[in-house]
PDB file of N, CA and C in Angstrom:
ATOM      1  N   MET A   1      -4.900   5.164  15.749  1.00  0.00           N
ATOM      2  CA  MET A   1      -3.626   5.827  15.621  1.00  0.00           C
ATOM      3  C   MET A   1      -3.012   5.460  14.277  1.00  0.00           C
ATOM      4  N   ALA A   2      -2.516   6.433  13.548  1.00  0.00           N
ATOM      5  CA  ALA A   2      -1.908   6.213  12.236  1.00  0.00           C
ATOM      6  C   ALA A   2      -0.568   5.506  12.373  1.00  0.00           C
ATOM      7  N   THR A   3      -0.294   4.594  11.423  1.00  0.00           N
ATOM      8  CA  THR A   3       0.940   3.830  11.422  1.00  0.00           C
ATOM      9  C   THR A   3       1.541   3.863  10.025  1.00  0.00           C
ATOM     10  N   GLN A   4       2.830   4.159   9.925  1.00  0.00           N
ATOM     11  CA  GLN A   4       3.510   4.171   8.636  1.00  0.00           C
ATOM     12  C   GLN A   4       3.598   2.759   8.069  1.00  0.00           C
ATOM     13  N   ILE A   5       3.273   2.627   6.787  1.00  0.00           N
ATOM     14  CA  ILE A   5       3.399   1.359   6.067  1.00  0.00           C
ATOM     15  C   ILE A   5       4.602   1.409   5.140  1.00  0.00           C
ATOM     16  N   LEU A   6       4.734   2.501   4.391  1.00  0.00           N
ATOM     17  CA  LEU A   6       5.816   2.691   3.438  1.00  0.00           C
ATOM     18  C   LEU A   6       6.311   4.122   3.594  1.00  0.00           C
ATOM     19  N   ALA A   7       7.590   4.268   3.922  1.00  0.00           N
ATOM     20  CA  ALA A   7       8.162   5.594   4.161  1.00  0.00           C
ATOM     21  C   ALA A   7       8.103   6.451   2.899  1.00  0.00           C
ATOM     22  N   ASP A   8       7.942   7.761   3.089  1.00  0.00           N
ATOM     23  CA  ASP A   8       7.995   8.693   1.962  1.00  0.00           C
ATOM     24  C   ASP A   8       9.316   8.517   1.237  1.00  0.00           C
ATOM     25  N   GLY A   9       9.269   8.642  -0.069  1.00  0.00           N
ATOM     26  CA  GLY A   9      10.488   8.554  -0.855  1.00  0.00           C
ATOM     27  C   GLY A   9      10.167   8.486  -2.327  1.00  0.00           C
ATOM     28  N   THR A  10      11.220   8.396  -3.121  1.00  0.00           N
ATOM     29  CA  THR A  10      11.089   8.233  -4.559  1.00  0.00           C
ATOM     30  C   THR A  10      11.730   6.915  -4.945  1.00  0.00           C
ATOM     31  N   GLY A  11      11.364   6.415  -6.095  1.00  0.00           N
ATOM     32  CA  GLY A  11      11.952   5.180  -6.579  1.00  0.00           C
ATOM     33  C   GLY A  11      11.325   3.944  -5.966  1.00  0.00           C
ATOM     34  N   ALA A  12      11.802   2.797  -6.444  1.00  0.00           N
ATOM     35  CA  ALA A  12      11.222   1.511  -6.062  1.00  0.00           C
ATOM     36  C   ALA A  12      11.401   1.203  -4.583  1.00  0.00           C
ATOM     37  N   ALA A  13      10.335   0.698  -3.963  1.00  0.00           N
ATOM     38  CA  ALA A  13      10.388   0.274  -2.556  1.00  0.00           C
ATOM     39  C   ALA A  13       9.202  -0.632  -2.270  1.00  0.00           C
ATOM     40  N   ASP A  14       9.428  -1.608  -1.389  1.00  0.00           N
ATOM     41  CA  ASP A  14       8.375  -2.503  -0.920  1.00  0.00           C
ATOM     42  C   ASP A  14       8.208  -2.328   0.580  1.00  0.00           C
ATOM     43  N   SER A  15       6.981  -2.451   1.039  1.00  0.00           N
ATOM     44  CA  SER A  15       6.719  -2.446   2.478  1.00  0.00           C
ATOM     45  C   SER A  15       6.971  -3.833   3.037  1.00  0.00           C
ATOM     46  N   ALA A  16       6.976  -3.924   4.332  1.00  0.00           N
ATOM     47  CA  ALA A  16       6.931  -5.222   5.002  1.00  0.00           C
ATOM     48  C   ALA A  16       5.516  -5.767   4.830  1.00  0.00           C
ATOM     49  N   ASP A  17       5.323  -7.051   5.093  1.00  0.00           N
ATOM     50  CA  ASP A  17       3.979  -7.622   5.069  1.00  0.00           C
ATOM     51  C   ASP A  17       3.093  -6.911   6.078  1.00  0.00           C
ATOM     52  N   LEU A  18       1.858  -6.677   5.687  1.00  0.00           N
ATOM     53  CA  LEU A  18       0.871  -6.037   6.551  1.00  0.00           C
ATOM     54  C   LEU A  18      -0.311  -6.982   6.711  1.00  0.00           C
ATOM     55  N   PRO A  19      -0.399  -7.695   7.854  1.00  0.00           N
ATOM     56  CA  PRO A  19      -1.523  -8.599   8.062  1.00  0.00           C
ATOM     57  C   PRO A  19      -2.760  -7.856   8.550  1.00  0.00           C
ATOM     58  N   VAL A  20      -3.915  -8.277   8.046  1.00  0.00           N
ATOM     59  CA  VAL A  20      -5.202  -7.786   8.518  1.00  0.00           C
ATOM     60  C   VAL A  20      -5.963  -9.014   9.009  1.00  0.00           C
ATOM     61  N   SER A  21      -6.368  -9.000  10.263  1.00  0.00           N
ATOM     62  CA  SER A  21      -7.015 -10.147  10.898  1.00  0.00           C
ATOM     63  C   SER A  21      -8.389 -10.443  10.313  1.00  0.00           C
ATOM     64  N   THR A  22      -8.789 -11.706  10.404  1.00  0.00           N
ATOM     65  CA  THR A  22     -10.121 -12.128   9.979  1.00  0.00           C
ATOM     66  C   THR A  22     -11.176 -11.329  10.736  1.00  0.00           C
ATOM     67  N   GLY A  23     -12.133 -10.804  10.010  1.00  0.00           N
ATOM     68  CA  GLY A  23     -13.208 -10.019  10.606  1.00  0.00           C
ATOM     69  C   GLY A  23     -12.879  -8.545  10.777  1.00  0.00           C
ATOM     70  N   ALA A  24     -11.632  -8.180  10.520  1.00  0.00           N
ATOM     71  CA  ALA A  24     -11.215  -6.781  10.676  1.00  0.00           C
ATOM     72  C   ALA A  24     -11.131  -6.094   9.311  1.00  0.00           C
ATOM     73  N   THR A  25     -11.154  -4.780   9.329  1.00  0.00           N
ATOM     74  CA  THR A  25     -10.870  -3.980   8.149  1.00  0.00           C
ATOM     75  C   THR A  25      -9.821  -2.947   8.521  1.00  0.00           C
ATOM     76  N   LEU A  26      -9.114  -2.438   7.502  1.00  0.00           N
ATOM     77  CA  LEU A  26      -8.061  -1.458   7.734  1.00  0.00           C
ATOM     78  C   LEU A  26      -8.099  -0.419   6.632  1.00  0.00           C
ATOM     79  N   LEU A  27      -8.149   0.855   7.014  1.00  0.00           N
ATOM     80  CA  LEU A  27      -8.096   1.953   6.062  1.00  0.00           C
ATOM     81  C   LEU A  27      -6.631   2.283   5.797  1.00  0.00           C
ATOM     82  N   VAL A  28      -6.241   2.304   4.515  1.00  0.00           N
ATOM     83  CA  VAL A  28      -4.877   2.669   4.130  1.00  0.00           C
ATOM     84  C   VAL A  28      -4.946   3.845   3.171  1.00  0.00           C
ATOM     85  N   SER A  29      -3.889   4.656   3.173  1.00  0.00           N
ATOM     86  CA  SER A  29      -3.883   5.836   2.316  1.00  0.00           C
ATOM     87  C   SER A  29      -2.469   6.213   1.925  1.00  0.00           C
ATOM     88  N   MET A  30      -2.363   6.883   0.773  1.00  0.00           N
ATOM     89  CA  MET A  30      -1.095   7.499   0.370  1.00  0.00           C
ATOM     90  C   MET A  30      -0.875   8.729   1.233  1.00  0.00           C
ATOM     91  N   LYS A  31       0.394   9.134   1.329  1.00  0.00           N
ATOM     92  CA  LYS A  31       0.714  10.398   1.992  1.00  0.00           C
ATOM     93  C   LYS A  31       1.774  11.132   1.181  1.00  0.00           C
ATOM     94  N   ASP A  32       1.728  12.434   1.260  1.00  0.00           N
ATOM     95  CA  ASP A  32       2.712  13.309   0.624  1.00  0.00           C
ATOM     96  C   ASP A  32       2.915  12.995  -0.850  1.00  0.00           C
ATOM     97  N   TRP A  33       1.798  12.842  -1.579  1.00  0.00           N
ATOM     98  CA  TRP A  33       1.904  12.477  -2.988  1.00  0.00           C
ATOM     99  C   TRP A  33       1.862  13.689  -3.895  1.00  0.00           C
ATOM    100  N   THR A  34       2.284  13.460  -5.159  1.00  0.00           N
ATOM    101  CA  THR A  34       2.159  14.440  -6.233  1.00  0.00           C
ATOM    102  C   THR A  34       1.345  13.782  -7.346  1.00  0.00           C
ATOM    103  N   SER A  35       1.171  14.476  -8.449  1.00  0.00           N
ATOM    104  CA  SER A  35       0.328  13.958  -9.534  1.00  0.00           C
ATOM    105  C   SER A  35       0.900  12.704 -10.194  1.00  0.00           C
ATOM    106  N   ARG A  36       2.188  12.412 -10.029  1.00  0.00           N
ATOM    107  CA  ARG A  36       2.798  11.233 -10.661  1.00  0.00           C
ATOM    108  C   ARG A  36       3.070  10.100  -9.672  1.00  0.00           C
ATOM    109  N   SER A  37       2.484  10.149  -8.509  1.00  0.00           N
ATOM    110  CA  SER A  37       2.718   9.131  -7.478  1.00  0.00           C
ATOM    111  C   SER A  37       1.782   7.935  -7.649  1.00  0.00           C
ATOM    112  N   SER A  38       2.288   6.752  -7.297  1.00  0.00           N
ATOM    113  CA  SER A  38       1.431   5.563  -7.281  1.00  0.00           C
ATOM    114  C   SER A  38       2.032   4.498  -6.371  1.00  0.00           C
ATOM    115  N   ILE A  39       1.156   3.689  -5.807  1.00  0.00           N
ATOM    116  CA  ILE A  39       1.553   2.563  -4.954  1.00  0.00           C
ATOM    117  C   ILE A  39       0.644   1.393  -5.302  1.00  0.00           C
ATOM    118  N   THR A  40       1.242   0.234  -5.583  1.00  0.00           N
ATOM    119  CA  THR A  40       0.484  -0.972  -5.880  1.00  0.00           C
ATOM    120  C   THR A  40       0.228  -1.744  -4.593  1.00  0.00           C
ATOM    121  N   ILE A  41      -1.002  -2.202  -4.415  1.00  0.00           N
ATOM    122  CA  ILE A  41      -1.365  -3.055  -3.276  1.00  0.00           C
ATOM    123  C   ILE A  41      -1.421  -4.492  -3.788  1.00  0.00           C
ATOM    124  N   SER A  42      -0.680  -5.391  -3.123  1.00  0.00           N
ATOM    125  CA  SER A  42      -0.681  -6.805  -3.492  1.00  0.00           C
ATOM    126  C   SER A  42      -1.129  -7.648  -2.310  1.00  0.00           C
ATOM    127  N   LEU A  43      -1.839  -8.729  -2.626  1.00  0.00           N
ATOM    128  CA  LEU A  43      -2.327  -9.678  -1.629  1.00  0.00           C
ATOM    129  C   LEU A  43      -1.478 -10.940  -1.718  1.00  0.00           C
ATOM    130  N   LYS A  44      -1.002 -11.427  -0.577  1.00  0.00           N
ATOM    131  CA  LYS A  44      -0.180 -12.634  -0.537  1.00  0.00           C
ATOM    132  C   LYS A  44      -1.082 -13.857  -0.679  1.00  0.00           C
ATOM    133  N   ASP A  45      -0.756 -14.720  -1.661  1.00  0.00           N
ATOM    134  CA  ASP A  45      -1.590 -15.895  -1.899  1.00  0.00           C
ATOM    135  C   ASP A  45      -1.130 -17.092  -1.070  1.00  0.00           C
ATOM    136  N   ASP A  46      -1.808 -18.235  -1.258  1.00  0.00           N
ATOM    137  CA  ASP A  46      -1.521 -19.428  -0.460  1.00  0.00           C
ATOM    138  C   ASP A  46      -0.143 -20.030  -0.735  1.00  0.00           C
ATOM    139  N   ALA A  47       0.488 -19.672  -1.855  1.00  0.00           N
ATOM    140  CA  ALA A  47       1.829 -20.155  -2.179  1.00  0.00           C
ATOM    141  C   ALA A  47       2.910 -19.160  -1.758  1.00  0.00           C
ATOM    142  N   GLY A  48       2.505 -18.050  -1.134  1.00  0.00           N
ATOM    143  CA  GLY A  48       3.466 -17.054  -0.676  1.00  0.00           C
ATOM    144  C   GLY A  48       3.850 -16.026  -1.724  1.00  0.00           C
ATOM    145  N   ASN A  49       3.131 -16.008  -2.853  1.00  0.00           N
ATOM    146  CA  ASN A  49       3.381 -15.031  -3.907  1.00  0.00           C
ATOM    147  C   ASN A  49       2.440 -13.841  -3.730  1.00  0.00           C
ATOM    148  N   TYR A  50       2.857 -12.692  -4.230  1.00  0.00           N
ATOM    149  CA  TYR A  50       2.050 -11.474  -4.113  1.00  0.00           C
ATOM    150  C   TYR A  50       1.301 -11.223  -5.414  1.00  0.00           C
ATOM    151  N   GLN A  51      -0.003 -11.053  -5.307  1.00  0.00           N
ATOM    152  CA  GLN A  51      -0.867 -10.807  -6.454  1.00  0.00           C
ATOM    153  C   GLN A  51      -1.391  -9.369  -6.392  1.00  0.00           C
ATOM    154  N   PRO A  52      -1.094  -8.548  -7.413  1.00  0.00           N
ATOM    155  CA  PRO A  52      -1.589  -7.168  -7.402  1.00  0.00           C
ATOM    156  C   PRO A  52      -3.116  -7.130  -7.423  1.00  0.00           C
ATOM    157  N   ILE A  53      -3.687  -6.366  -6.512  1.00  0.00           N
ATOM    158  CA  ILE A  53      -5.153  -6.279  -6.439  1.00  0.00           C
ATOM    159  C   ILE A  53      -5.676  -4.855  -6.549  1.00  0.00           C
ATOM    160  N   GLY A  54      -4.787  -3.875  -6.506  1.00  0.00           N
ATOM    161  CA  GLY A  54      -5.243  -2.495  -6.577  1.00  0.00           C
ATOM    162  C   GLY A  54      -4.091  -1.528  -6.558  1.00  0.00           C
ATOM    163  N   GLN A  55      -4.430  -0.259  -6.658  1.00  0.00           N
ATOM    164  CA  GLN A  55      -3.409   0.773  -6.694  1.00  0.00           C
ATOM    165  C   GLN A  55      -3.917   2.020  -5.988  1.00  0.00           C
ATOM    166  N   LEU A  56      -3.016   2.657  -5.245  1.00  0.00           N
ATOM    167  CA  LEU A  56      -3.300   3.966  -4.674  1.00  0.00           C
ATOM    168  C   LEU A  56      -2.714   5.004  -5.614  1.00  0.00           C
ATOM    169  N   THR A  57      -3.520   5.985  -5.981  1.00  0.00           N
ATOM    170  CA  THR A  57      -3.107   7.059  -6.884  1.00  0.00           C
ATOM    171  C   THR A  57      -3.680   8.371  -6.360  1.00  0.00           C
ATOM    172  N   PRO A  58      -3.262   9.509  -6.917  1.00  0.00           N
ATOM    173  CA  PRO A  58      -3.873  10.772  -6.491  1.00  0.00           C
ATOM    174  C   PRO A  58      -5.386  10.806  -6.722  1.00  0.00           C
ATOM    175  N   GLN A  59      -5.879  10.054  -7.717  1.00  0.00           N
ATOM    176  CA  GLN A  59      -7.313  10.012  -7.980  1.00  0.00           C
ATOM    177  C   GLN A  59      -8.038   9.071  -7.017  1.00  0.00           C
ATOM    178  N   LYS A  60      -7.323   8.083  -6.453  1.00  0.00           N
ATOM    179  CA  LYS A  60      -7.888   7.145  -5.481  1.00  0.00           C
ATOM    180  C   LYS A  60      -6.828   6.902  -4.404  1.00  0.00           C
ATOM    181  N   PRO A  61      -6.662   7.860  -3.488  1.00  0.00           N
ATOM    182  CA  PRO A  61      -5.561   7.791  -2.529  1.00  0.00           C
ATOM    183  C   PRO A  61      -5.791   6.876  -1.331  1.00  0.00           C
ATOM    184  N   ALA A  62      -6.984   6.291  -1.196  1.00  0.00           N
ATOM    185  CA  ALA A  62      -7.255   5.454  -0.019  1.00  0.00           C
ATOM    186  C   ALA A  62      -8.011   4.199  -0.419  1.00  0.00           C
ATOM    187  N   ALA A  63      -7.901   3.167   0.434  1.00  0.00           N
ATOM    188  CA  ALA A  63      -8.612   1.910   0.220  1.00  0.00           C
ATOM    189  C   ALA A  63      -8.888   1.270   1.571  1.00  0.00           C
ATOM    190  N   VAL A  64      -9.917   0.441   1.613  1.00  0.00           N
ATOM    191  CA  VAL A  64     -10.234  -0.330   2.815  1.00  0.00           C
ATOM    192  C   VAL A  64      -9.906  -1.789   2.518  1.00  0.00           C
ATOM    193  N   LEU A  65      -9.073  -2.391   3.359  1.00  0.00           N
ATOM    194  CA  LEU A  65      -8.645  -3.776   3.185  1.00  0.00           C
ATOM    195  C   LEU A  65      -9.336  -4.663   4.216  1.00  0.00           C
ATOM    196  N   SER A  66      -9.630  -5.889   3.808  1.00  0.00           N
ATOM    197  CA  SER A  66     -10.176  -6.882   4.737  1.00  0.00           C
ATOM    198  C   SER A  66      -9.132  -7.976   4.945  1.00  0.00           C
ATOM    199  N   ALA A  67      -9.509  -9.040   5.618  1.00  0.00           N
ATOM    200  CA  ALA A  67      -8.575 -10.083   6.046  1.00  0.00           C
ATOM    201  C   ALA A  67      -7.629 -10.527   4.943  1.00  0.00           C
ATOM    202  N   GLY A  68      -6.353 -10.642   5.287  1.00  0.00           N
ATOM    203  CA  GLY A  68      -5.325 -11.090   4.357  1.00  0.00           C
ATOM    204  C   GLY A  68      -3.982 -10.514   4.760  1.00  0.00           C
ATOM    205  N   VAL A  69      -2.958 -10.826   3.963  1.00  0.00           N
ATOM    206  CA  VAL A  69      -1.625 -10.273   4.165  1.00  0.00           C
ATOM    207  C   VAL A  69      -1.284  -9.481   2.909  1.00  0.00           C
ATOM    208  N   TYR A  70      -0.916  -8.220   3.088  1.00  0.00           N
ATOM    209  CA  TYR A  70      -0.723  -7.290   1.989  1.00  0.00           C
ATOM    210  C   TYR A  70       0.711  -6.769   1.950  1.00  0.00           C
ATOM    211  N   ARG A  71       1.117  -6.326   0.746  1.00  0.00           N
ATOM    212  CA  ARG A  71       2.381  -5.620   0.562  1.00  0.00           C
ATOM    213  C   ARG A  71       2.111  -4.424  -0.329  1.00  0.00           C
ATOM    214  N   PHE A  72       2.795  -3.331  -0.060  1.00  0.00           N
ATOM    215  CA  PHE A  72       2.655  -2.083  -0.803  1.00  0.00           C
ATOM    216  C   PHE A  72       3.961  -1.829  -1.541  1.00  0.00           C
ATOM    217  N   THR A  73       3.859  -1.527  -2.841  1.00  0.00           N
ATOM    218  CA  THR A  73       5.040  -1.344  -3.674  1.00  0.00           C
ATOM    219  C   THR A  73       4.966  -0.003  -4.391  1.00  0.00           C
ATOM    220  N   ARG A  74       6.020   0.788  -4.222  1.00  0.00           N
ATOM    221  CA  ARG A  74       6.149   2.034  -4.980  1.00  0.00           C
ATOM    222  C   ARG A  74       7.058   1.715  -6.174  1.00  0.00           C
ATOM    223  N   PRO A  75       6.581   1.914  -7.423  1.00  0.00           N
ATOM    224  CA  PRO A  75       7.403   1.590  -8.585  1.00  0.00           C
ATOM    225  C   PRO A  75       8.537   2.592  -8.781  1.00  0.00           C
ATOM    226  N   ALA A  76       9.518   2.182  -9.549  1.00  0.00           N
ATOM    227  CA  ALA A  76      10.702   3.018  -9.787  1.00  0.00           C
ATOM    228  C   ALA A  76      10.358   4.358 -10.410  1.00  0.00           C
ATOM    229  N   ASP A  77       9.304   4.415 -11.231  1.00  0.00           N
ATOM    230  CA  ASP A  77       8.970   5.663 -11.915  1.00  0.00           C
ATOM    231  C   ASP A  77       7.988   6.542 -11.143  1.00  0.00           C
ATOM    232  N   SER A  78       7.670   6.175  -9.903  1.00  0.00           N
ATOM    233  CA  SER A  78       6.746   6.971  -9.106  1.00  0.00           C
ATOM    234  C   SER A  78       7.433   8.217  -8.547  1.00  0.00           C
ATOM    235  N   ALA A  79       6.672   9.284  -8.477  1.00  0.00           N
ATOM    236  CA  ALA A  79       7.141  10.468  -7.759  1.00  0.00           C
ATOM    237  C   ALA A  79       7.065  10.177  -6.262  1.00  0.00           C
ATOM    238  N   SER A  80       7.576  11.071  -5.471  1.00  0.00           N
ATOM    239  CA  SER A  80       7.622  10.880  -4.016  1.00  0.00           C
ATOM    240  C   SER A  80       6.238  10.635  -3.432  1.00  0.00           C
ATOM    241  N   CYS A  81       6.164   9.624  -2.539  1.00  0.00           N
ATOM    242  CA  CYS A  81       4.942   9.329  -1.807  1.00  0.00           C
ATOM    243  C   CYS A  81       5.265   8.263  -0.762  1.00  0.00           C
ATOM    244  N   GLY A  82       4.321   8.013   0.103  1.00  0.00           N
ATOM    245  CA  GLY A  82       4.415   6.967   1.093  1.00  0.00           C
ATOM    246  C   GLY A  82       3.020   6.446   1.363  1.00  0.00           C
ATOM    247  N   ALA A  83       2.895   5.560   2.353  1.00  0.00           N
ATOM    248  CA  ALA A  83       1.586   5.005   2.700  1.00  0.00           C
ATOM    249  C   ALA A  83       1.482   4.826   4.204  1.00  0.00           C
ATOM    250  N   PHE A  84       0.246   4.930   4.721  1.00  0.00           N
ATOM    251  CA  PHE A  84       0.006   4.739   6.140  1.00  0.00           C
ATOM    252  C   PHE A  84      -1.363   4.104   6.332  1.00  0.00           C
ATOM    253  N   SER A  85      -1.559   3.552   7.524  1.00  0.00           N
ATOM    254  CA  SER A  85      -2.872   3.023   7.885  1.00  0.00           C
ATOM    255  C   SER A  85      -3.439   3.882   9.000  1.00  0.00           C
ATOM    256  N   ALA A  86      -4.757   3.903   9.076  1.00  0.00           N
ATOM    257  CA  ALA A  86      -5.413   4.705  10.111  1.00  0.00           C
ATOM    258  C   ALA A  86      -6.363   3.835  10.913  1.00  0.00           C
TER     259      ALA A  86
END
């Protein structure tokens, strides 16, 4: 079942933490994007800081994540978009 990670919108926004259990994988994707949309995927490190590890764009709208805690960030200059998991 699909679950919203980051609501559709414009401008800067961060998702809540998204944990992925050890041994599991999770498919994530952009939704309702245009050619200027982007979302940064960050992995939470052992000190509680977020390290950028990838980006969802119209050219690469989906990614598979493995164990860890992630955050999704839409930058201020992004066109409207959101993110969901499947």
